[in-house]
Amino acid sequence: QVQLVESGGGLVQPGGSLRLSCAASGSILRINDMGWFRQAPGKQRELVARITLRGDTNYADSVKGRFTVSRDNVNRIMYLEMNSLKPEDTAVYFCNAPILGVDGWKDYWGQGTQVTVSS
C-alpha cells in the first residue's frame, strides 16, 4: 500500500527554522513531481513548493527566498527547509504526489504536519 508520511512540524518562534520531511513507501513504480501544500484555519489549501523528478522547483511568492524544497530520489523522501518563519506561515503542511503503483497512477496526500510560528 502506497503512502506519504510527513514529519518535522512543531512550534517555532518567528525568525526560526524547521525542516519538514515527506517519505513515500509501498509498492511504488514511479514518482514524478512532488509538492508541499499548506492549509491555515479558515483558508483554502495552497501550493507552497513543487519539485520535479530532475529537481526543477517552483515556489509560492510568499515563501520565495525563505523556503527550499529538495528530494532524495533513491530513498523517496522530499524535504522542505523553512527559514525566517513568520506567524503567517502557521498551517498544516501536506505533501502530495501522483504515484505510479501496481494499480496505475493515483494522487496521494500525506496526513499533514502542524507548523506553528509564535512567540
C-alpha atoms as a PDB file:
ATOM      1  CA  GLN A   1       0.000   0.000   0.000  1.00  0.00           C
ATOM      2  CA  VAL A   2       1.415   3.335  -1.067  1.00  0.00           C
ATOM      3  CA  GLN A   3       1.529   6.129   1.464  1.00  0.00           C
ATOM      4  CA  LEU A   4       3.138   9.504   2.110  1.00  0.00           C
ATOM      5  CA  VAL A   5       4.131  10.367   5.670  1.00  0.00           C
ATOM      6  CA  GLU A   6       5.195  13.850   6.772  1.00  0.00           C
ATOM      7  CA  SER A   7       7.297  14.672   9.807  1.00  0.00           C
ATOM      8  CA  GLY A   8       9.208  17.584  11.285  1.00  0.00           C
ATOM      9  CA  GLY A   9       6.482  20.024  12.209  1.00  0.00           C
ATOM     10  CA  GLY A  10       6.313  21.819  15.524  1.00  0.00           C
ATOM     11  CA  LEU A  11       6.287  25.123  17.370  1.00  0.00           C
ATOM     12  CA  VAL A  12       8.929  27.689  16.454  1.00  0.00           C
ATOM     13  CA  GLN A  13       9.470  31.363  17.193  1.00  0.00           C
ATOM     14  CA  PRO A  14       9.270  33.983  14.447  1.00  0.00           C
ATOM     15  CA  GLY A  15      12.546  34.057  12.551  1.00  0.00           C
ATOM     16  CA  GLY A  16      13.239  30.433  13.332  1.00  0.00           C
ATOM     17  CA  SER A  17      13.669  27.415  11.095  1.00  0.00           C
ATOM     18  CA  LEU A  18      12.167  23.976  10.596  1.00  0.00           C
ATOM     19  CA  ARG A  19      12.753  21.146   8.169  1.00  0.00           C
ATOM     20  CA  LEU A  20       9.856  19.000   7.048  1.00  0.00           C
ATOM     21  CA  SER A  21      10.225  15.547   5.530  1.00  0.00           C
ATOM     22  CA  CYS A  22       7.850  13.516   3.396  1.00  0.00           C
ATOM     23  CA  ALA A  23       8.630   9.829   2.982  1.00  0.00           C
ATOM     24  CA  ALA A  24       6.970   7.707   0.315  1.00  0.00           C
ATOM     25  CA  SER A  25       6.621   3.990   0.909  1.00  0.00           C
ATOM     26  CA  GLY A  26       4.899   0.952  -0.521  1.00  0.00           C
ATOM     27  CA  SER A  27       4.803  -0.692  -3.935  1.00  0.00           C
ATOM     28  CA  ILE A  28       5.968   2.325  -5.921  1.00  0.00           C
ATOM     29  CA  LEU A  29       6.997   2.126  -9.542  1.00  0.00           C
ATOM     30  CA  ARG A  30       7.499   5.822 -10.246  1.00  0.00           C
ATOM     31  CA  ILE A  31       7.099   9.275  -8.693  1.00  0.00           C
ATOM     32  CA  ASN A  32       7.332  12.339 -10.918  1.00  0.00           C
ATOM     33  CA  ASP A  33       6.531  15.763  -9.467  1.00  0.00           C
ATOM     34  CA  MET A  34       6.137  16.163  -5.705  1.00  0.00           C
ATOM     35  CA  GLY A  35       4.691  19.121  -3.864  1.00  0.00           C
ATOM     36  CA  TRP A  36       4.185  20.741  -0.488  1.00  0.00           C
ATOM     37  CA  PHE A  37       0.848  22.381   0.291  1.00  0.00           C
ATOM     38  CA  ARG A  38      -0.410  24.099   3.405  1.00  0.00           C
ATOM     39  CA  GLN A  39      -3.765  24.952   4.887  1.00  0.00           C
ATOM     40  CA  ALA A  40      -4.313  27.543   7.580  1.00  0.00           C
ATOM     41  CA  PRO A  41      -7.526  27.635   9.648  1.00  0.00           C
ATOM     42  CA  GLY A  42     -10.382  29.071   7.624  1.00  0.00           C
ATOM     43  CA  LYS A  43      -8.343  29.209   4.425  1.00  0.00           C
ATOM     44  CA  GLN A  44      -8.058  27.112   1.317  1.00  0.00           C
ATOM     45  CA  ARG A  45      -5.196  24.701   0.818  1.00  0.00           C
ATOM     46  CA  GLU A  46      -2.445  26.375  -1.186  1.00  0.00           C
ATOM     47  CA  LEU A  47       0.653  25.245  -3.021  1.00  0.00           C
ATOM     48  CA  VAL A  48       3.877  26.119  -1.218  1.00  0.00           C
ATOM     49  CA  ALA A  49       6.547  24.479  -3.373  1.00  0.00           C
ATOM     50  CA  ARG A  50       6.903  21.874  -6.079  1.00  0.00           C
ATOM     51  CA  ILE A  51       9.835  19.845  -7.349  1.00  0.00           C
ATOM     52  CA  THR A  52      10.121  17.761 -10.498  1.00  0.00           C
ATOM     53  CA  LEU A  53      11.865  14.419 -10.815  1.00  0.00           C
ATOM     54  CA  ARG A  54      15.009  16.091 -12.150  1.00  0.00           C
ATOM     55  CA  GLY A  55      14.976  18.773  -9.463  1.00  0.00           C
ATOM     56  CA  ASP A  56      13.353  21.797 -11.067  1.00  0.00           C
ATOM     57  CA  THR A  57      11.499  23.821  -8.446  1.00  0.00           C
ATOM     58  CA  ASN A  58       8.878  26.493  -8.129  1.00  0.00           C
ATOM     59  CA  TYR A  59       7.572  28.337  -5.084  1.00  0.00           C
ATOM     60  CA  ALA A  60       4.661  30.425  -3.916  1.00  0.00           C
ATOM     61  CA  ASP A  61       5.601  34.109  -3.907  1.00  0.00           C
ATOM     62  CA  SER A  62       5.026  34.254  -0.154  1.00  0.00           C
ATOM     63  CA  VAL A  63       7.850  31.777   0.567  1.00  0.00           C
ATOM     64  CA  LYS A  64      10.403  32.581  -2.149  1.00  0.00           C
ATOM     65  CA  GLY A  65      13.833  33.184  -0.701  1.00  0.00           C
ATOM     66  CA  ARG A  66      12.879  31.606   2.639  1.00  0.00           C
ATOM     67  CA  PHE A  67      11.846  28.021   1.803  1.00  0.00           C
ATOM     68  CA  THR A  68      13.786  25.405  -0.138  1.00  0.00           C
ATOM     69  CA  VAL A  69      12.339  22.158  -1.480  1.00  0.00           C
ATOM     70  CA  SER A  70      14.569  19.190  -2.277  1.00  0.00           C
ATOM     71  CA  ARG A  71      14.267  15.465  -2.765  1.00  0.00           C
ATOM     72  CA  ASP A  72      16.200  12.228  -2.401  1.00  0.00           C
ATOM     73  CA  ASN A  73      15.029  10.029  -5.258  1.00  0.00           C
ATOM     74  CA  VAL A  74      16.864   6.949  -4.025  1.00  0.00           C
ATOM     75  CA  ASN A  75      15.150   6.951  -0.645  1.00  0.00           C
ATOM     76  CA  ARG A  76      11.954   8.581  -1.944  1.00  0.00           C
ATOM     77  CA  ILE A  77      11.984  11.462   0.517  1.00  0.00           C
ATOM     78  CA  MET A  78      11.086  15.086  -0.126  1.00  0.00           C
ATOM     79  CA  TYR A  79      12.189  17.882   2.181  1.00  0.00           C
ATOM     80  CA  LEU A  80      11.079  21.436   2.865  1.00  0.00           C
ATOM     81  CA  GLU A  81      13.648  23.644   4.565  1.00  0.00           C
ATOM     82  CA  MET A  82      11.842  26.625   6.071  1.00  0.00           C
ATOM     83  CA  ASN A  83      13.829  29.640   7.270  1.00  0.00           C
ATOM     84  CA  SER A  84      12.888  33.100   8.549  1.00  0.00           C
ATOM     85  CA  LEU A  85       9.499  31.738   9.560  1.00  0.00           C
ATOM     86  CA  LYS A  86       6.654  34.168  10.081  1.00  0.00           C
ATOM     87  CA  PRO A  87       3.393  33.813  12.031  1.00  0.00           C
ATOM     88  CA  GLU A  88       1.539  33.734   8.716  1.00  0.00           C
ATOM     89  CA  ASP A  89       3.372  30.502   7.870  1.00  0.00           C
ATOM     90  CA  THR A  90       1.345  28.768  10.577  1.00  0.00           C
ATOM     91  CA  ALA A  91      -0.638  25.964   8.950  1.00  0.00           C
ATOM     92  CA  VAL A  92      -0.910  22.228   8.478  1.00  0.00           C
ATOM     93  CA  TYR A  93       1.607  21.235   5.825  1.00  0.00           C
ATOM     94  CA  PHE A  94       0.803  18.376   3.447  1.00  0.00           C
ATOM     95  CA  CYS A  95       2.890  16.583   0.870  1.00  0.00           C
ATOM     96  CA  ASN A  96       1.371  15.436  -2.385  1.00  0.00           C
ATOM     97  CA  ALA A  97       2.463  13.342  -5.322  1.00  0.00           C
ATOM     98  CA  PRO A  98       0.967  11.417  -8.225  1.00  0.00           C
ATOM     99  CA  ILE A  99       2.469   7.952  -7.843  1.00  0.00           C
ATOM    100  CA  LEU A 100       2.567   5.007 -10.197  1.00  0.00           C
ATOM    101  CA  GLY A 101       1.852   1.830  -8.276  1.00  0.00           C
ATOM    102  CA  VAL A 102       0.742  -1.638  -9.265  1.00  0.00           C
ATOM    103  CA  ASP A 103      -2.797  -0.286  -9.739  1.00  0.00           C
ATOM    104  CA  GLY A 104      -1.720   2.559 -12.007  1.00  0.00           C
ATOM    105  CA  TRP A 105      -1.348   6.295 -11.358  1.00  0.00           C
ATOM    106  CA  LYS A 106      -3.052   7.725  -8.272  1.00  0.00           C
ATOM    107  CA  ASP A 107      -2.817  11.040  -6.451  1.00  0.00           C
ATOM    108  CA  TYR A 108      -1.617  10.667  -2.876  1.00  0.00           C
ATOM    109  CA  TRP A 109      -1.641  13.016   0.126  1.00  0.00           C
ATOM    110  CA  GLY A 110       0.072  12.719   3.450  1.00  0.00           C
ATOM    111  CA  GLN A 111      -1.781  13.139   6.728  1.00  0.00           C
ATOM    112  CA  GLY A 112      -0.254  16.559   7.372  1.00  0.00           C
ATOM    113  CA  THR A 113       2.079  18.016   9.956  1.00  0.00           C
ATOM    114  CA  GLN A 114       1.326  21.109  12.032  1.00  0.00           C
ATOM    115  CA  VAL A 115       3.671  24.085  11.869  1.00  0.00           C
ATOM    116  CA  THR A 116       3.029  26.861  14.382  1.00  0.00           C
ATOM    117  CA  VAL A 117       5.065  30.070  14.344  1.00  0.00           C
ATOM    118  CA  SER A 118       4.514  32.040  17.511  1.00  0.00           C
ATOM    119  CA  SER A 119       6.389  33.836  20.244  1.00  0.00           C
END
